[in-house]
Amino acid sequence: MDDYTFVVQTSGTDERTWVDRAGRPHSGDLRIEERFHRADHDTLELSVTIDDSKMYTKPWVAVDKFAFQVKTANFDVREMLCSPSEF
């Protein structure tokens, strides 16, 4: 790991949720690792590893890159609910 990477590990997800918008299911054993990496001054790279041996034969990784932009001073991040248990 380096000073430009932030790692988030998630477990204990609610089985009523999906892995993605396509509706891929998961079990209670799902483990997710998200790596946010500042690839360069203007690029944020996100890699997500999905690991659920009960539902999938091997872990799979999705990678995407985003333009890194400084927002205005009045920009606000909205709160979102991610799990049915939060309703």
PDB file of N, CA and C in Angstrom:
ATOM      1  N   MET A   1       0.849  -1.176   0.000  1.00  0.00           N
ATOM      2  CA  MET A   1       0.000   0.000   0.000  1.00  0.00           C
ATOM      3  C   MET A   1       0.891   1.234   0.000  1.00  0.00           C
ATOM      4  N   ASP A   2       0.306   2.343  -0.457  1.00  0.00           N
ATOM      5  CA  ASP A   2       1.054   3.588  -0.520  1.00  0.00           C
ATOM      6  C   ASP A   2       0.218   4.741   0.042  1.00  0.00           C
ATOM      7  N   ASP A   3       0.765   5.926   0.010  1.00  0.00           N
ATOM      8  CA  ASP A   3       0.071   7.102   0.540  1.00  0.00           C
ATOM      9  C   ASP A   3      -1.056   7.594  -0.362  1.00  0.00           C
ATOM     10  N   TYR A   4      -1.231   6.982  -1.527  1.00  0.00           N
ATOM     11  CA  TYR A   4      -2.235   7.431  -2.484  1.00  0.00           C
ATOM     12  C   TYR A   4      -3.364   6.420  -2.669  1.00  0.00           C
ATOM     13  N   THR A   5      -3.469   5.446  -1.769  1.00  0.00           N
ATOM     14  CA  THR A   5      -4.496   4.415  -1.881  1.00  0.00           C
ATOM     15  C   THR A   5      -5.266   4.294  -0.580  1.00  0.00           C
ATOM     16  N   PHE A   6      -6.594   4.285  -0.700  1.00  0.00           N
ATOM     17  CA  PHE A   6      -7.494   4.114   0.439  1.00  0.00           C
ATOM     18  C   PHE A   6      -8.241   2.802   0.224  1.00  0.00           C
ATOM     19  N   VAL A   7      -8.178   1.882   1.184  1.00  0.00           N
ATOM     20  CA  VAL A   7      -8.784   0.556   1.048  1.00  0.00           C
ATOM     21  C   VAL A   7      -9.959   0.422   2.013  1.00  0.00           C
ATOM     22  N   VAL A   8     -11.096  -0.037   1.484  1.00  0.00           N
ATOM     23  CA  VAL A   8     -12.300  -0.279   2.276  1.00  0.00           C
ATOM     24  C   VAL A   8     -12.656  -1.750   2.151  1.00  0.00           C
ATOM     25  N   GLN A   9     -12.797  -2.435   3.280  1.00  0.00           N
ATOM     26  CA  GLN A   9     -13.198  -3.837   3.279  1.00  0.00           C
ATOM     27  C   GLN A   9     -14.567  -3.949   3.932  1.00  0.00           C
ATOM     28  N   THR A  10     -15.493  -4.640   3.245  1.00  0.00           N
ATOM     29  CA  THR A  10     -16.869  -4.753   3.715  1.00  0.00           C
ATOM     30  C   THR A  10     -17.245  -6.215   3.876  1.00  0.00           C
ATOM     31  N   SER A  11     -17.905  -6.525   4.988  1.00  0.00           N
ATOM     32  CA  SER A  11     -18.448  -7.863   5.220  1.00  0.00           C
ATOM     33  C   SER A  11     -19.727  -7.707   6.032  1.00  0.00           C
ATOM     34  N   GLY A  12     -20.459  -8.797   6.214  1.00  0.00           N
ATOM     35  CA  GLY A  12     -21.679  -8.745   7.002  1.00  0.00           C
ATOM     36  C   GLY A  12     -22.835  -8.079   6.284  1.00  0.00           C
ATOM     37  N   THR A  13     -22.873  -8.209   4.968  1.00  0.00           N
ATOM     38  CA  THR A  13     -23.943  -7.581   4.199  1.00  0.00           C
ATOM     39  C   THR A  13     -25.259  -8.342   4.328  1.00  0.00           C
ATOM     40  N   ASP A  14     -26.337  -7.647   4.106  1.00  0.00           N
ATOM     41  CA  ASP A  14     -27.681  -8.205   4.160  1.00  0.00           C
ATOM     42  C   ASP A  14     -27.932  -8.995   2.871  1.00  0.00           C
ATOM     43  N   GLU A  15     -28.346 -10.249   2.983  1.00  0.00           N
ATOM     44  CA  GLU A  15     -28.542 -11.100   1.810  1.00  0.00           C
ATOM     45  C   GLU A  15     -29.680 -10.629   0.909  1.00  0.00           C
ATOM     46  N   ARG A  16     -30.506  -9.703   1.362  1.00  0.00           N
ATOM     47  CA  ARG A  16     -31.602  -9.193   0.529  1.00  0.00           C
ATOM     48  C   ARG A  16     -31.118  -8.186  -0.506  1.00  0.00           C
ATOM     49  N   THR A  17     -29.847  -7.759  -0.407  1.00  0.00           N
ATOM     50  CA  THR A  17     -29.308  -6.798  -1.364  1.00  0.00           C
ATOM     51  C   THR A  17     -28.694  -7.539  -2.546  1.00  0.00           C
ATOM     52  N   TRP A  18     -28.339  -6.799  -3.575  1.00  0.00           N
ATOM     53  CA  TRP A  18     -27.678  -7.350  -4.757  1.00  0.00           C
ATOM     54  C   TRP A  18     -26.250  -6.832  -4.823  1.00  0.00           C
ATOM     55  N   VAL A  19     -25.427  -7.533  -5.589  1.00  0.00           N
ATOM     56  CA  VAL A  19     -24.041  -7.107  -5.793  1.00  0.00           C
ATOM     57  C   VAL A  19     -23.996  -5.863  -6.683  1.00  0.00           C
ATOM     58  N   ASP A  20     -24.903  -5.804  -7.679  1.00  0.00           N
ATOM     59  CA  ASP A  20     -24.897  -4.687  -8.627  1.00  0.00           C
ATOM     60  C   ASP A  20     -26.306  -4.415  -9.138  1.00  0.00           C
ATOM     61  N   ARG A  21     -26.419  -3.454 -10.017  1.00  0.00           N
ATOM     62  CA  ARG A  21     -27.730  -3.075 -10.560  1.00  0.00           C
ATOM     63  C   ARG A  21     -28.306  -4.131 -11.496  1.00  0.00           C
ATOM     64  N   ALA A  22     -27.490  -5.059 -11.953  1.00  0.00           N
ATOM     65  CA  ALA A  22     -27.980  -6.142 -12.811  1.00  0.00           C
ATOM     66  C   ALA A  22     -28.705  -7.207 -11.991  1.00  0.00           C
ATOM     67  N   GLY A  23     -28.628  -7.122 -10.662  1.00  0.00           N
ATOM     68  CA  GLY A  23     -29.350  -8.062  -9.804  1.00  0.00           C
ATOM     69  C   GLY A  23     -28.592  -9.328  -9.469  1.00  0.00           C
ATOM     70  N   ARG A  24     -27.267  -9.292  -9.545  1.00  0.00           N
ATOM     71  CA  ARG A  24     -26.490 -10.483  -9.179  1.00  0.00           C
ATOM     72  C   ARG A  24     -26.606 -10.712  -7.678  1.00  0.00           C
ATOM     73  N   PRO A  25     -26.944 -11.933  -7.287  1.00  0.00           N
ATOM     74  CA  PRO A  25     -27.154 -12.224  -5.861  1.00  0.00           C
ATOM     75  C   PRO A  25     -25.837 -12.459  -5.124  1.00  0.00           C
ATOM     76  N   HIS A  26     -25.928 -12.517  -3.803  1.00  0.00           N
ATOM     77  CA  HIS A  26     -24.768 -12.867  -2.975  1.00  0.00           C
ATOM     78  C   HIS A  26     -25.256 -13.568  -1.726  1.00  0.00           C
ATOM     79  N   SER A  27     -24.348 -14.236  -1.057  1.00  0.00           N
ATOM     80  CA  SER A  27     -24.670 -14.908   0.202  1.00  0.00           C
ATOM     81  C   SER A  27     -24.208 -14.027   1.370  1.00  0.00           C
ATOM     82  N   GLY A  28     -24.418 -14.514   2.572  1.00  0.00           N
ATOM     83  CA  GLY A  28     -23.953 -13.807   3.758  1.00  0.00           C
ATOM     84  C   GLY A  28     -22.446 -13.821   3.900  1.00  0.00           C
ATOM     85  N   ASP A  29     -21.767 -14.640   3.090  1.00  0.00           N
ATOM     86  CA  ASP A  29     -20.299 -14.724   3.135  1.00  0.00           C
ATOM     87  C   ASP A  29     -19.601 -13.710   2.225  1.00  0.00           C
ATOM     88  N   LEU A  30     -20.372 -12.851   1.571  1.00  0.00           N
ATOM     89  CA  LEU A  30     -19.798 -11.874   0.646  1.00  0.00           C
ATOM     90  C   LEU A  30     -18.748 -11.015   1.338  1.00  0.00           C
ATOM     91  N   ARG A  31     -17.613 -10.834   0.673  1.00  0.00           N
ATOM     92  CA  ARG A  31     -16.553  -9.929   1.113  1.00  0.00           C
ATOM     93  C   ARG A  31     -16.250  -9.002  -0.059  1.00  0.00           C
ATOM     94  N   ILE A  32     -16.185  -7.713   0.216  1.00  0.00           N
ATOM     95  CA  ILE A  32     -15.907  -6.728  -0.827  1.00  0.00           C
ATOM     96  C   ILE A  32     -14.686  -5.915  -0.411  1.00  0.00           C
ATOM     97  N   GLU A  33     -13.778  -5.727  -1.351  1.00  0.00           N
ATOM     98  CA  GLU A  33     -12.640  -4.832  -1.114  1.00  0.00           C
ATOM     99  C   GLU A  33     -12.653  -3.766  -2.188  1.00  0.00           C
ATOM    100  N   GLU A  34     -12.696  -2.509  -1.758  1.00  0.00           N
ATOM    101  CA  GLU A  34     -12.649  -1.375  -2.669  1.00  0.00           C
ATOM    102  C   GLU A  34     -11.321  -0.655  -2.475  1.00  0.00           C
ATOM    103  N   ARG A  35     -10.633  -0.382  -3.577  1.00  0.00           N
ATOM    104  CA  ARG A  35      -9.363   0.344  -3.525  1.00  0.00           C
ATOM    105  C   ARG A  35      -9.507   1.630  -4.325  1.00  0.00           C
ATOM    106  N   PHE A  36      -9.427   2.738  -3.623  1.00  0.00           N
ATOM    107  CA  PHE A  36      -9.464   4.063  -4.246  1.00  0.00           C
ATOM    108  C   PHE A  36      -8.015   4.528  -4.351  1.00  0.00           C
ATOM    109  N   HIS A  37      -7.554   4.729  -5.572  1.00  0.00           N
ATOM    110  CA  HIS A  37      -6.146   5.052  -5.790  1.00  0.00           C
ATOM    111  C   HIS A  37      -6.026   6.312  -6.639  1.00  0.00           C
ATOM    112  N   ARG A  38      -5.245   7.249  -6.167  1.00  0.00           N
ATOM    113  CA  ARG A  38      -4.976   8.472  -6.942  1.00  0.00           C
ATOM    114  C   ARG A  38      -3.881   8.129  -7.938  1.00  0.00           C
ATOM    115  N   ALA A  39      -4.294   7.761  -9.144  1.00  0.00           N
ATOM    116  CA  ALA A  39      -3.350   7.315 -10.173  1.00  0.00           C
ATOM    117  C   ALA A  39      -2.414   8.438 -10.599  1.00  0.00           C
ATOM    118  N   ASP A  40      -2.956   9.637 -10.725  1.00  0.00           N
ATOM    119  CA  ASP A  40      -2.158  10.824 -11.016  1.00  0.00           C
ATOM    120  C   ASP A  40      -2.952  12.034 -10.526  1.00  0.00           C
ATOM    121  N   HIS A  41      -2.470  13.214 -10.829  1.00  0.00           N
ATOM    122  CA  HIS A  41      -3.101  14.433 -10.314  1.00  0.00           C
ATOM    123  C   HIS A  41      -4.576  14.546 -10.678  1.00  0.00           C
ATOM    124  N   ASP A  42      -4.963  14.067 -11.854  1.00  0.00           N
ATOM    125  CA  ASP A  42      -6.318  14.257 -12.359  1.00  0.00           C
ATOM    126  C   ASP A  42      -7.150  12.978 -12.440  1.00  0.00           C
ATOM    127  N   THR A  43      -6.650  11.853 -11.922  1.00  0.00           N
ATOM    128  CA  THR A  43      -7.345  10.583 -12.107  1.00  0.00           C
ATOM    129  C   THR A  43      -7.477   9.801 -10.807  1.00  0.00           C
ATOM    130  N   LEU A  44      -8.710   9.402 -10.505  1.00  0.00           N
ATOM    131  CA  LEU A  44      -8.995   8.519  -9.381  1.00  0.00           C
ATOM    132  C   LEU A  44      -9.372   7.159  -9.944  1.00  0.00           C
ATOM    133  N   GLU A  45      -8.677   6.122  -9.525  1.00  0.00           N
ATOM    134  CA  GLU A  45      -8.944   4.761  -9.998  1.00  0.00           C
ATOM    135  C   GLU A  45      -9.617   3.980  -8.876  1.00  0.00           C
ATOM    136  N   LEU A  46     -10.713   3.312  -9.203  1.00  0.00           N
ATOM    137  CA  LEU A  46     -11.435   2.482  -8.246  1.00  0.00           C
ATOM    138  C   LEU A  46     -11.422   1.047  -8.728  1.00  0.00           C
ATOM    139  N   SER A  47     -10.929   0.141  -7.878  1.00  0.00           N
ATOM    140  CA  SER A  47     -11.019  -1.286  -8.179  1.00  0.00           C
ATOM    141  C   SER A  47     -11.813  -1.950  -7.062  1.00  0.00           C
ATOM    142  N   VAL A  48     -12.770  -2.777  -7.458  1.00  0.00           N
ATOM    143  CA  VAL A  48     -13.647  -3.459  -6.517  1.00  0.00           C
ATOM    144  C   VAL A  48     -13.488  -4.958  -6.716  1.00  0.00           C
ATOM    145  N   THR A  49     -13.147  -5.665  -5.632  1.00  0.00           N
ATOM    146  CA  THR A  49     -13.030  -7.120  -5.672  1.00  0.00           C
ATOM    147  C   THR A  49     -14.213  -7.724  -4.928  1.00  0.00           C
ATOM    148  N   ILE A  50     -14.964  -8.573  -5.614  1.00  0.00           N
ATOM    149  CA  ILE A  50     -16.122  -9.266  -5.055  1.00  0.00           C
ATOM    150  C   ILE A  50     -15.703 -10.707  -4.791  1.00  0.00           C
ATOM    151  N   ASP A  51     -15.817 -11.153  -3.550  1.00  0.00           N
ATOM    152  CA  ASP A  51     -15.426 -12.515  -3.183  1.00  0.00           C
ATOM    153  C   ASP A  51     -16.559 -13.157  -2.382  1.00  0.00           C
ATOM    154  N   ASP A  52     -17.210 -14.149  -2.988  1.00  0.00           N
ATOM    155  CA  ASP A  52     -18.307 -14.869  -2.343  1.00  0.00           C
ATOM    156  C   ASP A  52     -18.271 -16.305  -2.852  1.00  0.00           C
ATOM    157  N   SER A  53     -17.530 -17.161  -2.159  1.00  0.00           N
ATOM    158  CA  SER A  53     -17.309 -18.537  -2.635  1.00  0.00           C
ATOM    159  C   SER A  53     -18.580 -19.385  -2.654  1.00  0.00           C
ATOM    160  N   LYS A  54     -19.614 -18.981  -1.921  1.00  0.00           N
ATOM    161  CA  LYS A  54     -20.881 -19.729  -1.962  1.00  0.00           C
ATOM    162  C   LYS A  54     -21.657 -19.453  -3.243  1.00  0.00           C
ATOM    163  N   MET A  55     -21.467 -18.287  -3.843  1.00  0.00           N
ATOM    164  CA  MET A  55     -22.242 -17.904  -5.026  1.00  0.00           C
ATOM    165  C   MET A  55     -21.432 -17.909  -6.324  1.00  0.00           C
ATOM    166  N   TYR A  56     -20.111 -17.696  -6.233  1.00  0.00           N
ATOM    167  CA  TYR A  56     -19.287 -17.553  -7.432  1.00  0.00           C
ATOM    168  C   TYR A  56     -18.053 -18.449  -7.327  1.00  0.00           C
ATOM    169  N   THR A  57     -17.601 -18.960  -8.459  1.00  0.00           N
ATOM    170  CA  THR A  57     -16.486 -19.906  -8.461  1.00  0.00           C
ATOM    171  C   THR A  57     -15.144 -19.267  -8.139  1.00  0.00           C
ATOM    172  N   LYS A  58     -15.013 -17.963  -8.386  1.00  0.00           N
ATOM    173  CA  LYS A  58     -13.773 -17.261  -8.062  1.00  0.00           C
ATOM    174  C   LYS A  58     -14.082 -15.787  -7.846  1.00  0.00           C
ATOM    175  N   PRO A  59     -13.216 -15.069  -7.136  1.00  0.00           N
ATOM    176  CA  PRO A  59     -13.427 -13.624  -6.961  1.00  0.00           C
ATOM    177  C   PRO A  59     -13.361 -12.914  -8.308  1.00  0.00           C
ATOM    178  N   TRP A  60     -14.066 -11.808  -8.434  1.00  0.00           N
ATOM    179  CA  TRP A  60     -13.966 -11.016  -9.656  1.00  0.00           C
ATOM    180  C   TRP A  60     -13.716  -9.561  -9.316  1.00  0.00           C
ATOM    181  N   VAL A  61     -13.053  -8.893 -10.260  1.00  0.00           N
ATOM    182  CA  VAL A  61     -12.591  -7.521 -10.036  1.00  0.00           C
ATOM    183  C   VAL A  61     -13.151  -6.605 -11.117  1.00  0.00           C
ATOM    184  N   ALA A  62     -13.651  -5.451 -10.709  1.00  0.00           N
ATOM    185  CA  ALA A  62     -14.086  -4.408 -11.639  1.00  0.00           C
ATOM    186  C   ALA A  62     -13.197  -3.197 -11.407  1.00  0.00           C
ATOM    187  N   VAL A  63     -12.755  -2.566 -12.481  1.00  0.00           N
ATOM    188  CA  VAL A  63     -11.882  -1.396 -12.383  1.00  0.00           C
ATOM    189  C   VAL A  63     -12.481  -0.263 -13.207  1.00  0.00           C
ATOM    190  N   ASP A  64     -12.453   0.929 -12.659  1.00  0.00           N
ATOM    191  CA  ASP A  64     -12.937   2.103 -13.377  1.00  0.00           C
ATOM    192  C   ASP A  64     -12.055   3.297 -13.020  1.00  0.00           C
ATOM    193  N   LYS A  65     -11.991   4.257 -13.916  1.00  0.00           N
ATOM    194  CA  LYS A  65     -11.215   5.474 -13.672  1.00  0.00           C
ATOM    195  C   LYS A  65     -12.138   6.675 -13.780  1.00  0.00           C
ATOM    196  N   PHE A  66     -11.898   7.651 -12.929  1.00  0.00           N
ATOM    197  CA  PHE A  66     -12.728   8.841 -12.879  1.00  0.00           C
ATOM    198  C   PHE A  66     -11.849  10.086 -12.927  1.00  0.00           C
ATOM    199  N   ALA A  67     -12.380  11.116 -13.588  1.00  0.00           N
ATOM    200  CA  ALA A  67     -11.680  12.399 -13.583  1.00  0.00           C
ATOM    201  C   ALA A  67     -11.779  12.959 -12.172  1.00  0.00           C
ATOM    202  N   PHE A  68     -10.660  13.351 -11.618  1.00  0.00           N
ATOM    203  CA  PHE A  68     -10.603  13.886 -10.261  1.00  0.00           C
ATOM    204  C   PHE A  68     -10.729  15.395 -10.343  1.00  0.00           C
ATOM    205  N   GLN A  69     -11.823  15.922  -9.784  1.00  0.00           N
ATOM    206  CA  GLN A  69     -12.075  17.350  -9.884  1.00  0.00           C
ATOM    207  C   GLN A  69     -12.371  17.936  -8.511  1.00  0.00           C
ATOM    208  N   VAL A  70     -11.844  19.106  -8.248  1.00  0.00           N
ATOM    209  CA  VAL A  70     -12.136  19.816  -7.014  1.00  0.00           C
ATOM    210  C   VAL A  70     -13.517  20.459  -7.168  1.00  0.00           C
ATOM    211  N   LYS A  71     -14.379  20.235  -6.179  1.00  0.00           N
ATOM    212  CA  LYS A  71     -15.734  20.792  -6.211  1.00  0.00           C
ATOM    213  C   LYS A  71     -15.754  22.177  -5.592  1.00  0.00           C
ATOM    214  N   THR A  72     -16.824  22.897  -5.860  1.00  0.00           N
ATOM    215  CA  THR A  72     -16.975  24.237  -5.295  1.00  0.00           C
ATOM    216  C   THR A  72     -17.167  24.143  -3.785  1.00  0.00           C
ATOM    217  N   ALA A  73     -16.963  25.243  -3.094  1.00  0.00           N
ATOM    218  CA  ALA A  73     -17.049  25.278  -1.628  1.00  0.00           C
ATOM    219  C   ALA A  73     -18.436  24.921  -1.114  1.00  0.00           C
ATOM    220  N   ASN A  74     -19.486  25.148  -1.894  1.00  0.00           N
ATOM    221  CA  ASN A  74     -20.840  24.853  -1.437  1.00  0.00           C
ATOM    222  C   ASN A  74     -21.329  23.459  -1.854  1.00  0.00           C
ATOM    223  N   PHE A  75     -20.470  22.638  -2.429  1.00  0.00           N
ATOM    224  CA  PHE A  75     -20.835  21.279  -2.829  1.00  0.00           C
ATOM    225  C   PHE A  75     -21.075  20.415  -1.591  1.00  0.00           C
ATOM    226  N   ASP A  76     -22.115  19.582  -1.617  1.00  0.00           N
ATOM    227  CA  ASP A  76     -22.452  18.732  -0.479  1.00  0.00           C
ATOM    228  C   ASP A  76     -22.706  17.313  -0.960  1.00  0.00           C
ATOM    229  N   VAL A  77     -22.203  16.337  -0.243  1.00  0.00           N
ATOM    230  CA  VAL A  77     -22.436  14.930  -0.563  1.00  0.00           C
ATOM    231  C   VAL A  77     -23.714  14.503   0.146  1.00  0.00           C
ATOM    232  N   ARG A  78     -24.671  13.984  -0.616  1.00  0.00           N
ATOM    233  CA  ARG A  78     -25.939  13.563  -0.047  1.00  0.00           C
ATOM    234  C   ARG A  78     -25.810  12.195   0.608  1.00  0.00           C
ATOM    235  N   GLU A  79     -26.506  12.015   1.714  1.00  0.00           N
ATOM    236  CA  GLU A  79     -26.538  10.728   2.402  1.00  0.00           C
ATOM    237  C   GLU A  79     -27.425   9.770   1.622  1.00  0.00           C
ATOM    238  N   MET A  80     -26.978   8.503   1.474  1.00  0.00           N
ATOM    239  CA  MET A  80     -27.769   7.497   0.772  1.00  0.00           C
ATOM    240  C   MET A  80     -27.878   6.248   1.646  1.00  0.00           C
ATOM    241  N   LEU A  81     -29.013   5.581   1.578  1.00  0.00           N
ATOM    242  CA  LEU A  81     -29.210   4.329   2.284  1.00  0.00           C
ATOM    243  C   LEU A  81     -28.859   3.184   1.338  1.00  0.00           C
ATOM    244  N   CYS A  82     -28.029   2.265   1.815  1.00  0.00           N
ATOM    245  CA  CYS A  82     -27.531   1.191   0.970  1.00  0.00           C
ATOM    246  C   CYS A  82     -28.140  -0.168   1.297  1.00  0.00           C
ATOM    247  N   SER A  83     -28.783  -0.289   2.418  1.00  0.00           N
ATOM    248  CA  SER A  83     -29.251  -1.590   2.859  1.00  0.00           C
ATOM    249  C   SER A  83     -30.701  -1.501   3.326  1.00  0.00           C
ATOM    250  N   PRO A  84     -31.502  -2.536   3.013  1.00  0.00           N
ATOM    251  CA  PRO A  84     -32.892  -2.535   3.493  1.00  0.00           C
ATOM    252  C   PRO A  84     -32.999  -2.409   5.020  1.00  0.00           C
ATOM    253  N   SER A  85     -31.990  -2.856   5.745  1.00  0.00           N
ATOM    254  CA  SER A  85     -32.039  -2.792   7.212  1.00  0.00           C
ATOM    255  C   SER A  85     -31.924  -1.355   7.717  1.00  0.00           C
ATOM    256  N   GLU A  86     -31.514  -0.408   6.855  1.00  0.00           N
ATOM    257  CA  GLU A  86     -31.383   0.985   7.272  1.00  0.00           C
ATOM    258  C   GLU A  86     -32.687   1.769   7.130  1.00  0.00           C
ATOM    259  N   PHE A  87     -33.695   1.166   6.472  1.00  0.00           N
ATOM    260  CA  PHE A  87     -34.975   1.863   6.265  1.00  0.00           C
ATOM    261  C   PHE A  87     -35.839   1.809   7.503  1.00  0.00           C
TER     262      PHE A  87
END
